[in-house]
């Protein structure tokens, strides 16, 4: 875990909500000024690969992983009103995968309203 990766993870945790890569980059530039888009994206890819972050595909944003887990699934519940994201463990392997298909990463996104916004 390099200092840059550690910093990106800390920023994800501190955000407490989905955050876009360029917003992370802006925060990092305000701290030291040398961060570049490829380094932020590589750090995010690493954090996703080791299970410390998830990409919220529909928002094109990232969140820190709320649970410690290896390979497997995550289910993200996304509120369409306030934008909050709640993470739950998903099935470790999709039930309808083709024979011989090996899943590397799986994220299921559900959209609706959180309890607070209902």
PDB file of N, CA and C in Angstrom:
ATOM      1  N   UNK A   1       0.856  -1.176   0.000  1.00  0.00           N
ATOM      2  CA  UNK A   1       0.000   0.000   0.000  1.00  0.00           C
ATOM      3  C   UNK A   1       0.897   1.231   0.000  1.00  0.00           C
ATOM      4  N   UNK A   2       0.932   1.895  -1.108  1.00  0.00           N
ATOM      5  CA  UNK A   2       1.778   3.089  -1.240  1.00  0.00           C
ATOM      6  C   UNK A   2       1.129   4.269  -0.514  1.00  0.00           C
ATOM      7  N   UNK A   3       1.889   5.313  -0.228  1.00  0.00           N
ATOM      8  CA  UNK A   3       1.295   6.501   0.396  1.00  0.00           C
ATOM      9  C   UNK A   3       0.169   7.107  -0.449  1.00  0.00           C
ATOM     10  N   UNK A   4       0.317   7.098  -1.776  1.00  0.00           N
ATOM     11  CA  UNK A   4      -0.721   7.635  -2.649  1.00  0.00           C
ATOM     12  C   UNK A   4      -2.012   6.828  -2.519  1.00  0.00           C
ATOM     13  N   UNK A   5      -1.900   5.511  -2.555  1.00  0.00           N
ATOM     14  CA  UNK A   5      -3.079   4.650  -2.423  1.00  0.00           C
ATOM     15  C   UNK A   5      -3.733   4.843  -1.058  1.00  0.00           C
ATOM     16  N   UNK A   6      -2.915   4.955  -0.041  1.00  0.00           N
ATOM     17  CA  UNK A   6      -3.422   5.179   1.309  1.00  0.00           C
ATOM     18  C   UNK A   6      -4.181   6.510   1.377  1.00  0.00           C
ATOM     19  N   UNK A   7      -3.655   7.526   0.709  1.00  0.00           N
ATOM     20  CA  UNK A   7      -4.296   8.830   0.675  1.00  0.00           C
ATOM     21  C   UNK A   7      -5.638   8.764  -0.058  1.00  0.00           C
ATOM     22  N   UNK A   8      -5.673   8.083  -1.201  1.00  0.00           N
ATOM     23  CA  UNK A   8      -6.929   7.945  -1.943  1.00  0.00           C
ATOM     24  C   UNK A   8      -7.953   7.222  -1.087  1.00  0.00           C
ATOM     25  N   UNK A   9      -7.559   6.157  -0.416  1.00  0.00           N
ATOM     26  CA  UNK A   9      -8.480   5.433   0.454  1.00  0.00           C
ATOM     27  C   UNK A   9      -8.974   6.335   1.586  1.00  0.00           C
ATOM     28  N   UNK A  10      -8.093   7.094   2.184  1.00  0.00           N
ATOM     29  CA  UNK A  10      -8.493   8.004   3.271  1.00  0.00           C
ATOM     30  C   UNK A  10      -9.502   9.034   2.764  1.00  0.00           C
ATOM     31  N   UNK A  11      -9.293   9.546   1.562  1.00  0.00           N
ATOM     32  CA  UNK A  11     -10.236  10.515   0.999  1.00  0.00           C
ATOM     33  C   UNK A  11     -11.595   9.877   0.722  1.00  0.00           C
ATOM     34  N   UNK A  12     -11.594   8.629   0.253  1.00  0.00           N
ATOM     35  CA  UNK A  12     -12.857   7.914   0.037  1.00  0.00           C
ATOM     36  C   UNK A  12     -13.609   7.737   1.350  1.00  0.00           C
ATOM     37  N   UNK A  13     -12.880   7.327   2.382  1.00  0.00           N
ATOM     38  CA  UNK A  13     -13.506   7.113   3.689  1.00  0.00           C
ATOM     39  C   UNK A  13     -14.045   8.433   4.227  1.00  0.00           C
ATOM     40  N   UNK A  14     -13.234   9.473   4.144  1.00  0.00           N
ATOM     41  CA  UNK A  14     -13.636  10.789   4.648  1.00  0.00           C
ATOM     42  C   UNK A  14     -14.864  11.329   3.916  1.00  0.00           C
ATOM     43  N   UNK A  15     -14.971  11.057   2.615  1.00  0.00           N
ATOM     44  CA  UNK A  15     -16.103  11.569   1.832  1.00  0.00           C
ATOM     45  C   UNK A  15     -17.418  11.023   2.373  1.00  0.00           C
ATOM     46  N   UNK A  16     -17.437   9.757   2.737  1.00  0.00           N
ATOM     47  CA  UNK A  16     -18.647   9.166   3.291  1.00  0.00           C
ATOM     48  C   UNK A  16     -19.795   9.033   2.308  1.00  0.00           C
ATOM     49  N   UNK A  17     -19.559   9.331   1.063  1.00  0.00           N
ATOM     50  CA  UNK A  17     -20.557   9.213   0.009  1.00  0.00           C
ATOM     51  C   UNK A  17     -19.818   9.017  -1.306  1.00  0.00           C
ATOM     52  N   UNK A  18     -20.523   8.656  -2.374  1.00  0.00           N
ATOM     53  CA  UNK A  18     -19.834   8.475  -3.648  1.00  0.00           C
ATOM     54  C   UNK A  18     -19.103   9.748  -4.068  1.00  0.00           C
ATOM     55  N   UNK A  19     -17.894   9.567  -4.558  1.00  0.00           N
ATOM     56  CA  UNK A  19     -17.081  10.707  -4.985  1.00  0.00           C
ATOM     57  C   UNK A  19     -16.433  10.378  -6.325  1.00  0.00           C
ATOM     58  N   UNK A  20     -16.409  11.333  -7.205  1.00  0.00           N
ATOM     59  CA  UNK A  20     -15.841  11.139  -8.541  1.00  0.00           C
ATOM     60  C   UNK A  20     -14.314  11.244  -8.485  1.00  0.00           C
ATOM     61  N   UNK A  21     -13.654  10.596  -9.411  1.00  0.00           N
ATOM     62  CA  UNK A  21     -12.192  10.566  -9.445  1.00  0.00           C
ATOM     63  C   UNK A  21     -11.603  11.972  -9.543  1.00  0.00           C
ATOM     64  N   UNK A  22     -12.224  12.833 -10.348  1.00  0.00           N
ATOM     65  CA  UNK A  22     -11.669  14.187 -10.499  1.00  0.00           C
ATOM     66  C   UNK A  22     -11.876  15.028  -9.237  1.00  0.00           C
ATOM     67  N   UNK A  23     -12.901  14.718  -8.451  1.00  0.00           N
ATOM     68  CA  UNK A  23     -13.066  15.401  -7.162  1.00  0.00           C
ATOM     69  C   UNK A  23     -11.972  14.946  -6.193  1.00  0.00           C
ATOM     70  N   UNK A  24     -11.630  13.661  -6.250  1.00  0.00           N
ATOM     71  CA  UNK A  24     -10.498  13.171  -5.453  1.00  0.00           C
ATOM     72  C   UNK A  24      -9.214  13.874  -5.882  1.00  0.00           C
ATOM     73  N   UNK A  25      -9.043  13.977  -7.183  1.00  0.00           N
ATOM     74  CA  UNK A  25      -7.859  14.631  -7.731  1.00  0.00           C
ATOM     75  C   UNK A  25      -7.757  16.080  -7.260  1.00  0.00           C
ATOM     76  N   UNK A  26      -8.872  16.798  -7.273  1.00  0.00           N
ATOM     77  CA  UNK A  26      -8.865  18.190  -6.803  1.00  0.00           C
ATOM     78  C   UNK A  26      -8.452  18.278  -5.336  1.00  0.00           C
ATOM     79  N   UNK A  27      -8.960  17.360  -4.522  1.00  0.00           N
ATOM     80  CA  UNK A  27      -8.588  17.359  -3.107  1.00  0.00           C
ATOM     81  C   UNK A  27      -7.109  17.056  -2.929  1.00  0.00           C
ATOM     82  N   UNK A  28      -6.599  16.119  -3.720  1.00  0.00           N
ATOM     83  CA  UNK A  28      -5.193  15.756  -3.615  1.00  0.00           C
ATOM     84  C   UNK A  28      -4.292  16.892  -4.094  1.00  0.00           C
ATOM     85  N   UNK A  29      -4.711  17.573  -5.148  1.00  0.00           N
ATOM     86  CA  UNK A  29      -3.924  18.709  -5.655  1.00  0.00           C
ATOM     87  C   UNK A  29      -3.859  19.826  -4.630  1.00  0.00           C
ATOM     88  N   UNK A  30      -4.941  20.013  -3.883  1.00  0.00           N
ATOM     89  CA  UNK A  30      -4.928  21.067  -2.870  1.00  0.00           C
ATOM     90  C   UNK A  30      -3.984  20.714  -1.722  1.00  0.00           C
ATOM     91  N   UNK A  31      -3.704  19.422  -1.551  1.00  0.00           N
ATOM     92  CA  UNK A  31      -2.791  18.983  -0.488  1.00  0.00           C
ATOM     93  C   UNK A  31      -1.330  19.066  -0.916  1.00  0.00           C
ATOM     94  N   UNK A  32      -1.030  18.559  -2.138  1.00  0.00           N
ATOM     95  CA  UNK A  32       0.386  18.569  -2.540  1.00  0.00           C
ATOM     96  C   UNK A  32       0.633  19.039  -3.967  1.00  0.00           C
ATOM     97  N   UNK A  33      -0.400  19.159  -4.768  1.00  0.00           N
ATOM     98  CA  UNK A  33      -0.263  19.740  -6.095  1.00  0.00           C
ATOM     99  C   UNK A  33       0.310  18.860  -7.180  1.00  0.00           C
ATOM    100  N   UNK A  34       0.788  17.665  -6.869  1.00  0.00           N
ATOM    101  CA  UNK A  34       1.462  16.857  -7.886  1.00  0.00           C
ATOM    102  C   UNK A  34       0.620  15.704  -8.422  1.00  0.00           C
ATOM    103  N   UNK A  35      -0.564  15.477  -7.908  1.00  0.00           N
ATOM    104  CA  UNK A  35      -1.382  14.346  -8.348  1.00  0.00           C
ATOM    105  C   UNK A  35      -1.852  14.556  -9.782  1.00  0.00           C
ATOM    106  N   UNK A  36      -1.878  13.463 -10.530  1.00  0.00           N
ATOM    107  CA  UNK A  36      -2.309  13.465 -11.929  1.00  0.00           C
ATOM    108  C   UNK A  36      -3.431  12.438 -12.101  1.00  0.00           C
ATOM    109  N   UNK A  37      -4.313  12.633 -13.089  1.00  0.00           N
ATOM    110  CA  UNK A  37      -5.422  11.694 -13.274  1.00  0.00           C
ATOM    111  C   UNK A  37      -5.012  10.215 -13.359  1.00  0.00           C
ATOM    112  N   UNK A  38      -3.979   9.845 -14.145  1.00  0.00           N
ATOM    113  CA  UNK A  38      -3.639   8.417 -14.221  1.00  0.00           C
ATOM    114  C   UNK A  38      -3.269   7.805 -12.863  1.00  0.00           C
ATOM    115  N   UNK A  39      -2.599   8.575 -12.019  1.00  0.00           N
ATOM    116  CA  UNK A  39      -2.196   8.016 -10.720  1.00  0.00           C
ATOM    117  C   UNK A  39      -3.413   7.799  -9.825  1.00  0.00           C
ATOM    118  N   UNK A  40      -4.389   8.697  -9.912  1.00  0.00           N
ATOM    119  CA  UNK A  40      -5.609   8.527  -9.115  1.00  0.00           C
ATOM    120  C   UNK A  40      -6.382   7.313  -9.617  1.00  0.00           C
ATOM    121  N   UNK A  41      -6.535   7.183 -10.931  1.00  0.00           N
ATOM    122  CA  UNK A  41      -7.259   6.036 -11.481  1.00  0.00           C
ATOM    123  C   UNK A  41      -6.549   4.719 -11.183  1.00  0.00           C
ATOM    124  N   UNK A  42      -5.227   4.702 -11.253  1.00  0.00           N
ATOM    125  CA  UNK A  42      -4.487   3.474 -10.918  1.00  0.00           C
ATOM    126  C   UNK A  42      -4.682   3.122  -9.446  1.00  0.00           C
ATOM    127  N   UNK A  43      -4.692   4.124  -8.594  1.00  0.00           N
ATOM    128  CA  UNK A  43      -4.919   3.876  -7.161  1.00  0.00           C
ATOM    129  C   UNK A  43      -6.326   3.328  -6.934  1.00  0.00           C
ATOM    130  N   UNK A  44      -7.309   3.906  -7.606  1.00  0.00           N
ATOM    131  CA  UNK A  44      -8.688   3.412  -7.468  1.00  0.00           C
ATOM    132  C   UNK A  44      -8.809   1.980  -7.986  1.00  0.00           C
ATOM    133  N   UNK A  45      -8.166   1.679  -9.110  1.00  0.00           N
ATOM    134  CA  UNK A  45      -8.185   0.311  -9.641  1.00  0.00           C
ATOM    135  C   UNK A  45      -7.584  -0.655  -8.633  1.00  0.00           C
ATOM    136  N   UNK A  46      -6.461  -0.281  -8.033  1.00  0.00           N
ATOM    137  CA  UNK A  46      -5.831  -1.132  -7.025  1.00  0.00           C
ATOM    138  C   UNK A  46      -6.773  -1.344  -5.838  1.00  0.00           C
ATOM    139  N   UNK A  47      -7.359  -0.282  -5.341  1.00  0.00           N
ATOM    140  CA  UNK A  47      -8.245  -0.389  -4.175  1.00  0.00           C
ATOM    141  C   UNK A  47      -9.461  -1.262  -4.482  1.00  0.00           C
ATOM    142  N   UNK A  48      -9.975  -1.185  -5.707  1.00  0.00           N
ATOM    143  CA  UNK A  48     -11.082  -2.061  -6.093  1.00  0.00           C
ATOM    144  C   UNK A  48     -10.614  -3.509  -6.201  1.00  0.00           C
ATOM    145  N   UNK A  49      -9.434  -3.716  -6.764  1.00  0.00           N
ATOM    146  CA  UNK A  49      -8.901  -5.078  -6.926  1.00  0.00           C
ATOM    147  C   UNK A  49      -8.715  -5.787  -5.590  1.00  0.00           C
ATOM    148  N   UNK A  50      -8.322  -5.047  -4.560  1.00  0.00           N
ATOM    149  CA  UNK A  50      -8.093  -5.679  -3.255  1.00  0.00           C
ATOM    150  C   UNK A  50      -9.325  -5.597  -2.349  1.00  0.00           C
ATOM    151  N   UNK A  51     -10.440  -5.096  -2.872  1.00  0.00           N
ATOM    152  CA  UNK A  51     -11.691  -5.101  -2.127  1.00  0.00           C
ATOM    153  C   UNK A  51     -11.858  -3.969  -1.136  1.00  0.00           C
ATOM    154  N   UNK A  52     -11.122  -2.873  -1.301  1.00  0.00           N
ATOM    155  CA  UNK A  52     -11.237  -1.753  -0.372  1.00  0.00           C
ATOM    156  C   UNK A  52     -12.111  -0.618  -0.907  1.00  0.00           C
ATOM    157  N   UNK A  53     -12.529  -0.721  -2.160  1.00  0.00           N
ATOM    158  CA  UNK A  53     -13.371   0.314  -2.763  1.00  0.00           C
ATOM    159  C   UNK A  53     -14.280  -0.324  -3.808  1.00  0.00           C
ATOM    160  N   UNK A  54     -15.355   0.381  -4.107  1.00  0.00           N
ATOM    161  CA  UNK A  54     -16.289  -0.033  -5.162  1.00  0.00           C
ATOM    162  C   UNK A  54     -16.543   1.145  -6.078  1.00  0.00           C
ATOM    163  N   UNK A  55     -16.793   0.845  -7.324  1.00  0.00           N
ATOM    164  CA  UNK A  55     -17.225   1.877  -8.262  1.00  0.00           C
ATOM    165  C   UNK A  55     -18.744   1.802  -8.343  1.00  0.00           C
ATOM    166  N   UNK A  56     -19.390   2.936  -8.164  1.00  0.00           N
ATOM    167  CA  UNK A  56     -20.831   3.037  -8.362  1.00  0.00           C
ATOM    168  C   UNK A  56     -20.995   3.382  -9.837  1.00  0.00           C
ATOM    169  N   UNK A  57     -21.254   2.365 -10.619  1.00  0.00           N
ATOM    170  CA  UNK A  57     -21.216   2.500 -12.080  1.00  0.00           C
ATOM    171  C   UNK A  57     -22.134   3.598 -12.595  1.00  0.00           C
ATOM    172  N   UNK A  58     -23.362   3.634 -12.130  1.00  0.00           N
ATOM    173  CA  UNK A  58     -24.323   4.595 -12.663  1.00  0.00           C
ATOM    174  C   UNK A  58     -23.957   6.034 -12.332  1.00  0.00           C
ATOM    175  N   UNK A  59     -23.230   6.244 -11.257  1.00  0.00           N
ATOM    176  CA  UNK A  59     -22.828   7.594 -10.858  1.00  0.00           C
ATOM    177  C   UNK A  59     -21.420   7.930 -11.330  1.00  0.00           C
ATOM    178  N   UNK A  60     -20.719   6.932 -11.862  1.00  0.00           N
ATOM    179  CA  UNK A  60     -19.314   7.080 -12.239  1.00  0.00           C
ATOM    180  C   UNK A  60     -18.514   7.673 -11.079  1.00  0.00           C
ATOM    181  N   UNK A  61     -18.749   7.082  -9.902  1.00  0.00           N
ATOM    182  CA  UNK A  61     -18.121   7.553  -8.670  1.00  0.00           C
ATOM    183  C   UNK A  61     -17.646   6.346  -7.868  1.00  0.00           C
ATOM    184  N   UNK A  62     -16.923   6.612  -6.800  1.00  0.00           N
ATOM    185  CA  UNK A  62     -16.312   5.554  -6.002  1.00  0.00           C
ATOM    186  C   UNK A  62     -16.684   5.722  -4.538  1.00  0.00           C
ATOM    187  N   UNK A  63     -16.737   4.590  -3.832  1.00  0.00           N
ATOM    188  CA  UNK A  63     -16.965   4.604  -2.386  1.00  0.00           C
ATOM    189  C   UNK A  63     -15.980   3.644  -1.734  1.00  0.00           C
ATOM    190  N   UNK A  64     -15.657   3.928  -0.493  1.00  0.00           N
ATOM    191  CA  UNK A  64     -14.854   2.978   0.282  1.00  0.00           C
ATOM    192  C   UNK A  64     -15.737   1.782   0.589  1.00  0.00           C
ATOM    193  N   UNK A  65     -15.159   0.602   0.594  1.00  0.00           N
ATOM    194  CA  UNK A  65     -15.900  -0.611   0.899  1.00  0.00           C
ATOM    195  C   UNK A  65     -16.220  -0.635   2.385  1.00  0.00           C
ATOM    196  N   UNK A  66     -17.475  -0.864   2.691  1.00  0.00           N
ATOM    197  CA  UNK A  66     -17.915  -0.868   4.093  1.00  0.00           C
ATOM    198  C   UNK A  66     -17.683  -2.215   4.766  1.00  0.00           C
ATOM    199  N   UNK A  67     -17.356  -3.230   4.001  1.00  0.00           N
ATOM    200  CA  UNK A  67     -17.183  -4.579   4.547  1.00  0.00           C
ATOM    201  C   UNK A  67     -15.858  -5.154   4.070  1.00  0.00           C
ATOM    202  N   UNK A  68     -15.269  -5.968   4.886  1.00  0.00           N
ATOM    203  CA  UNK A  68     -14.041  -6.643   4.493  1.00  0.00           C
ATOM    204  C   UNK A  68     -14.426  -7.938   3.776  1.00  0.00           C
ATOM    205  N   UNK A  69     -14.111  -8.023   2.519  1.00  0.00           N
ATOM    206  CA  UNK A  69     -14.385  -9.257   1.780  1.00  0.00           C
ATOM    207  C   UNK A  69     -13.424  -9.384   0.620  1.00  0.00           C
ATOM    208  N   UNK A  70     -13.196 -10.619   0.232  1.00  0.00           N
ATOM    209  CA  UNK A  70     -12.334 -10.882  -0.909  1.00  0.00           C
ATOM    210  C   UNK A  70     -13.177 -10.762  -2.163  1.00  0.00           C
ATOM    211  N   UNK A  71     -12.854 -11.601  -3.087  1.00  0.00           N
ATOM    212  CA  UNK A  71     -13.594 -11.692  -4.330  1.00  0.00           C
ATOM    213  C   UNK A  71     -15.056 -11.972  -4.010  1.00  0.00           C
ATOM    214  N   UNK A  72     -15.909 -11.503  -4.815  1.00  0.00           N
ATOM    215  CA  UNK A  72     -17.319 -11.754  -4.587  1.00  0.00           C
ATOM    216  C   UNK A  72     -18.114 -10.524  -4.912  1.00  0.00           C
ATOM    217  N   UNK A  73     -19.330 -10.547  -4.482  1.00  0.00           N
ATOM    218  CA  UNK A  73     -20.237  -9.502  -4.894  1.00  0.00           C
ATOM    219  C   UNK A  73     -20.529  -8.475  -3.836  1.00  0.00           C
ATOM    220  N   UNK A  74     -20.969  -7.360  -4.314  1.00  0.00           N
ATOM    221  CA  UNK A  74     -21.478  -6.305  -3.455  1.00  0.00           C
ATOM    222  C   UNK A  74     -22.785  -5.847  -4.064  1.00  0.00           C
ATOM    223  N   UNK A  75     -23.727  -5.537  -3.207  1.00  0.00           N
ATOM    224  CA  UNK A  75     -24.972  -4.939  -3.654  1.00  0.00           C
ATOM    225  C   UNK A  75     -25.003  -3.534  -3.110  1.00  0.00           C
ATOM    226  N   UNK A  76     -25.225  -2.579  -3.991  1.00  0.00           N
ATOM    227  CA  UNK A  76     -25.262  -1.175  -3.604  1.00  0.00           C
ATOM    228  C   UNK A  76     -26.692  -0.673  -3.744  1.00  0.00           C
ATOM    229  N   UNK A  77     -27.196  -0.075  -2.678  1.00  0.00           N
ATOM    230  CA  UNK A  77     -28.533   0.499  -2.661  1.00  0.00           C
ATOM    231  C   UNK A  77     -28.377   2.011  -2.738  1.00  0.00           C
ATOM    232  N   UNK A  78     -28.799   2.605  -3.844  1.00  0.00           N
ATOM    233  CA  UNK A  78     -28.535   4.001  -4.151  1.00  0.00           C
ATOM    234  C   UNK A  78     -29.838   4.794  -4.088  1.00  0.00           C
ATOM    235  N   UNK A  79     -29.856   5.808  -3.238  1.00  0.00           N
ATOM    236  CA  UNK A  79     -31.034   6.658  -3.112  1.00  0.00           C
ATOM    237  C   UNK A  79     -31.024   7.690  -4.235  1.00  0.00           C
ATOM    238  N   UNK A  80     -32.093   7.728  -4.991  1.00  0.00           N
ATOM    239  CA  UNK A  80     -32.203   8.666  -6.102  1.00  0.00           C
ATOM    240  C   UNK A  80     -32.438  10.099  -5.669  1.00  0.00           C
ATOM    241  N   UNK A  81     -32.787  10.302  -4.405  1.00  0.00           N
ATOM    242  CA  UNK A  81     -33.056  11.664  -3.936  1.00  0.00           C
ATOM    243  C   UNK A  81     -31.830  12.287  -3.282  1.00  0.00           C
ATOM    244  N   UNK A  82     -31.246  11.609  -2.293  1.00  0.00           N
ATOM    245  CA  UNK A  82     -30.113  12.214  -1.569  1.00  0.00           C
ATOM    246  C   UNK A  82     -28.764  11.689  -2.043  1.00  0.00           C
ATOM    247  N   UNK A  83     -28.763  10.610  -2.844  1.00  0.00           N
ATOM    248  CA  UNK A  83     -27.515  10.080  -3.382  1.00  0.00           C
ATOM    249  C   UNK A  83     -26.746   9.184  -2.435  1.00  0.00           C
ATOM    250  N   UNK A  84     -27.323   8.862  -1.283  1.00  0.00           N
ATOM    251  CA  UNK A  84     -26.613   7.977  -0.353  1.00  0.00           C
ATOM    252  C   UNK A  84     -26.495   6.580  -0.949  1.00  0.00           C
ATOM    253  N   UNK A  85     -25.447   5.888  -0.544  1.00  0.00           N
ATOM    254  CA  UNK A  85     -25.223   4.521  -1.015  1.00  0.00           C
ATOM    255  C   UNK A  85     -25.000   3.637   0.201  1.00  0.00           C
ATOM    256  N   UNK A  86     -25.752   2.552   0.273  1.00  0.00           N
ATOM    257  CA  UNK A  86     -25.606   1.585   1.351  1.00  0.00           C
ATOM    258  C   UNK A  86     -25.126   0.286   0.720  1.00  0.00           C
ATOM    259  N   UNK A  87     -24.090  -0.296   1.273  1.00  0.00           N
ATOM    260  CA  UNK A  87     -23.501  -1.513   0.703  1.00  0.00           C
ATOM    261  C   UNK A  87     -23.914  -2.739   1.510  1.00  0.00           C
ATOM    262  N   UNK A  88     -24.214  -3.795   0.798  1.00  0.00           N
ATOM    263  CA  UNK A  88     -24.488  -5.107   1.398  1.00  0.00           C
ATOM    264  C   UNK A  88     -23.685  -6.143   0.617  1.00  0.00           C
ATOM    265  N   UNK A  89     -23.400  -7.251   1.263  1.00  0.00           N
ATOM    266  CA  UNK A  89     -22.723  -8.339   0.554  1.00  0.00           C
ATOM    267  C   UNK A  89     -23.680  -8.957  -0.439  1.00  0.00           C
ATOM    268  N   UNK A  90     -23.195  -9.182  -1.631  1.00  0.00           N
ATOM    269  CA  UNK A  90     -23.967  -9.862  -2.652  1.00  0.00           C
ATOM    270  C   UNK A  90     -23.577 -11.327  -2.696  1.00  0.00           C
ATOM    271  N   UNK A  91     -24.151 -12.043  -3.630  1.00  0.00           N
ATOM    272  CA  UNK A  91     -23.803 -13.454  -3.813  1.00  0.00           C
ATOM    273  C   UNK A  91     -22.358 -13.542  -4.284  1.00  0.00           C
ATOM    274  N   UNK A  92     -21.580 -14.492  -3.759  1.00  0.00           N
ATOM    275  CA  UNK A  92     -20.186 -14.602  -4.178  1.00  0.00           C
ATOM    276  C   UNK A  92     -20.024 -14.935  -5.656  1.00  0.00           C
ATOM    277  N   UNK A  93     -20.959 -15.609  -6.229  1.00  0.00           N
ATOM    278  CA  UNK A  93     -20.940 -15.927  -7.659  1.00  0.00           C
ATOM    279  C   UNK A  93     -22.353 -15.749  -8.202  1.00  0.00           C
ATOM    280  N   UNK A  94     -22.478 -15.136  -9.359  1.00  0.00           N
ATOM    281  CA  UNK A  94     -23.812 -15.025  -9.954  1.00  0.00           C
ATOM    282  C   UNK A  94     -24.411 -16.412 -10.173  1.00  0.00           C
ATOM    283  N   UNK A  95     -25.681 -16.539  -9.925  1.00  0.00           N
ATOM    284  CA  UNK A  95     -26.340 -17.848 -10.027  1.00  0.00           C
ATOM    285  C   UNK A  95     -26.579 -18.281 -11.473  1.00  0.00           C
ATOM    286  N   UNK A  96     -26.633 -17.341 -12.387  1.00  0.00           N
ATOM    287  CA  UNK A  96     -26.943 -17.677 -13.778  1.00  0.00           C
ATOM    288  C   UNK A  96     -25.746 -17.537 -14.709  1.00  0.00           C
ATOM    289  N   UNK A  97     -24.554 -17.608 -14.181  1.00  0.00           N
ATOM    290  CA  UNK A  97     -23.358 -17.462 -15.017  1.00  0.00           C
ATOM    291  C   UNK A  97     -23.229 -18.636 -15.982  1.00  0.00           C
ATOM    292  N   UNK A  98     -22.701 -18.379 -17.174  1.00  0.00           N
ATOM    293  CA  UNK A  98     -22.480 -19.477 -18.120  1.00  0.00           C
ATOM    294  C   UNK A  98     -21.470 -20.476 -17.559  1.00  0.00           C
ATOM    295  N   UNK A  99     -21.585 -21.719 -17.985  1.00  0.00           N
ATOM    296  CA  UNK A  99     -20.637 -22.750 -17.548  1.00  0.00           C
ATOM    297  C   UNK A  99     -19.216 -22.306 -17.854  1.00  0.00           C
ATOM    298  N   UNK A 100     -18.346 -22.452 -16.885  1.00  0.00           N
ATOM    299  CA  UNK A 100     -16.942 -22.136 -17.061  1.00  0.00           C
ATOM    300  C   UNK A 100     -16.590 -20.667 -16.869  1.00  0.00           C
ATOM    301  N   UNK A 101     -17.582 -19.820 -16.653  1.00  0.00           N
ATOM    302  CA  UNK A 101     -17.315 -18.391 -16.483  1.00  0.00           C
ATOM    303  C   UNK A 101     -16.826 -18.131 -15.069  1.00  0.00           C
ATOM    304  N   UNK A 102     -15.685 -17.454 -14.955  1.00  0.00           N
ATOM    305  CA  UNK A 102     -15.138 -17.115 -13.634  1.00  0.00           C
ATOM    306  C   UNK A 102     -15.318 -15.622 -13.392  1.00  0.00           C
ATOM    307  N   UNK A 103     -16.079 -15.290 -12.380  1.00  0.00           N
ATOM    308  CA  UNK A 103     -16.357 -13.895 -12.053  1.00  0.00           C
ATOM    309  C   UNK A 103     -15.171 -13.295 -11.311  1.00  0.00           C
ATOM    310  N   UNK A 104     -14.712 -12.141 -11.780  1.00  0.00           N
ATOM    311  CA  UNK A 104     -13.638 -11.422 -11.101  1.00  0.00           C
ATOM    312  C   UNK A 104     -14.172 -10.349 -10.182  1.00  0.00           C
ATOM    313  N   UNK A 105     -15.278  -9.737 -10.582  1.00  0.00           N
ATOM    314  CA  UNK A 105     -15.863  -8.657  -9.786  1.00  0.00           C
ATOM    315  C   UNK A 105     -17.338  -8.575 -10.136  1.00  0.00           C
ATOM    316  N   UNK A 106     -18.148  -8.372  -9.134  1.00  0.00           N
ATOM    317  CA  UNK A 106     -19.574  -8.266  -9.375  1.00  0.00           C
ATOM    318  C   UNK A 106     -20.158  -7.197  -8.460  1.00  0.00           C
ATOM    319  N   UNK A 107     -20.866  -6.251  -9.055  1.00  0.00           N
ATOM    320  CA  UNK A 107     -21.543  -5.219  -8.281  1.00  0.00           C
ATOM    321  C   UNK A 107     -22.957  -5.097  -8.829  1.00  0.00           C
ATOM    322  N   UNK A 108     -23.922  -5.224  -7.946  1.00  0.00           N
ATOM    323  CA  UNK A 108     -25.322  -5.056  -8.318  1.00  0.00           C
ATOM    324  C   UNK A 108     -25.785  -3.744  -7.715  1.00  0.00           C
ATOM    325  N   UNK A 109     -26.411  -2.907  -8.522  1.00  0.00           N
ATOM    326  CA  UNK A 109     -26.878  -1.607  -8.058  1.00  0.00           C
ATOM    327  C   UNK A 109     -28.403  -1.568  -8.072  1.00  0.00           C
ATOM    328  N   UNK A 110     -28.968  -1.202  -6.930  1.00  0.00           N
ATOM    329  CA  UNK A 110     -30.418  -1.053  -6.789  1.00  0.00           C
ATOM    330  C   UNK A 110     -30.705   0.439  -6.599  1.00  0.00           C
ATOM    331  N   UNK A 111     -31.739   0.936  -7.258  1.00  0.00           N
ATOM    332  CA  UNK A 111     -32.072   2.350  -7.184  1.00  0.00           C
ATOM    333  C   UNK A 111     -33.455   2.513  -6.578  1.00  0.00           C
ATOM    334  N   UNK A 112     -33.592   3.504  -5.719  1.00  0.00           N
ATOM    335  CA  UNK A 112     -34.879   3.781  -5.073  1.00  0.00           C
ATOM    336  C   UNK A 112     -34.712   4.928  -4.119  1.00  0.00           C
ATOM    337  N   UNK A 113     -35.449   4.881  -3.019  1.00  0.00           N
ATOM    338  CA  UNK A 113     -35.380   5.913  -1.995  1.00  0.00           C
ATOM    339  C   UNK A 113     -34.991   5.277  -0.671  1.00  0.00           C
ATOM    340  N   UNK A 114     -34.058   5.902   0.003  1.00  0.00           N
ATOM    341  CA  UNK A 114     -33.658   5.415   1.331  1.00  0.00           C
ATOM    342  C   UNK A 114     -34.784   5.708   2.317  1.00  0.00           C
ATOM    343  N   UNK A 115     -34.675   5.118   3.507  1.00  0.00           N
ATOM    344  CA  UNK A 115     -35.701   5.301   4.542  1.00  0.00           C
ATOM    345  C   UNK A 115     -35.867   6.770   4.920  1.00  0.00           C
ATOM    346  N   UNK A 116     -34.766   7.503   4.959  1.00  0.00           N
ATOM    347  CA  UNK A 116     -34.808   8.921   5.335  1.00  0.00           C
ATOM    348  C   UNK A 116     -35.578   9.752   4.302  1.00  0.00           C
ATOM    349  N   UNK A 117     -35.401   9.427   3.033  1.00  0.00           N
ATOM    350  CA  UNK A 117     -36.031  10.216   1.964  1.00  0.00           C
ATOM    351  C   UNK A 117     -37.468   9.777   1.667  1.00  0.00           C
ATOM    352  N   UNK A 118     -37.824   8.583   2.074  1.00  0.00           N
ATOM    353  CA  UNK A 118     -39.209   8.125   1.832  1.00  0.00           C
ATOM    354  C   UNK A 118     -40.139   8.930   2.683  1.00  0.00           C
TER     355      UNK A 118
END
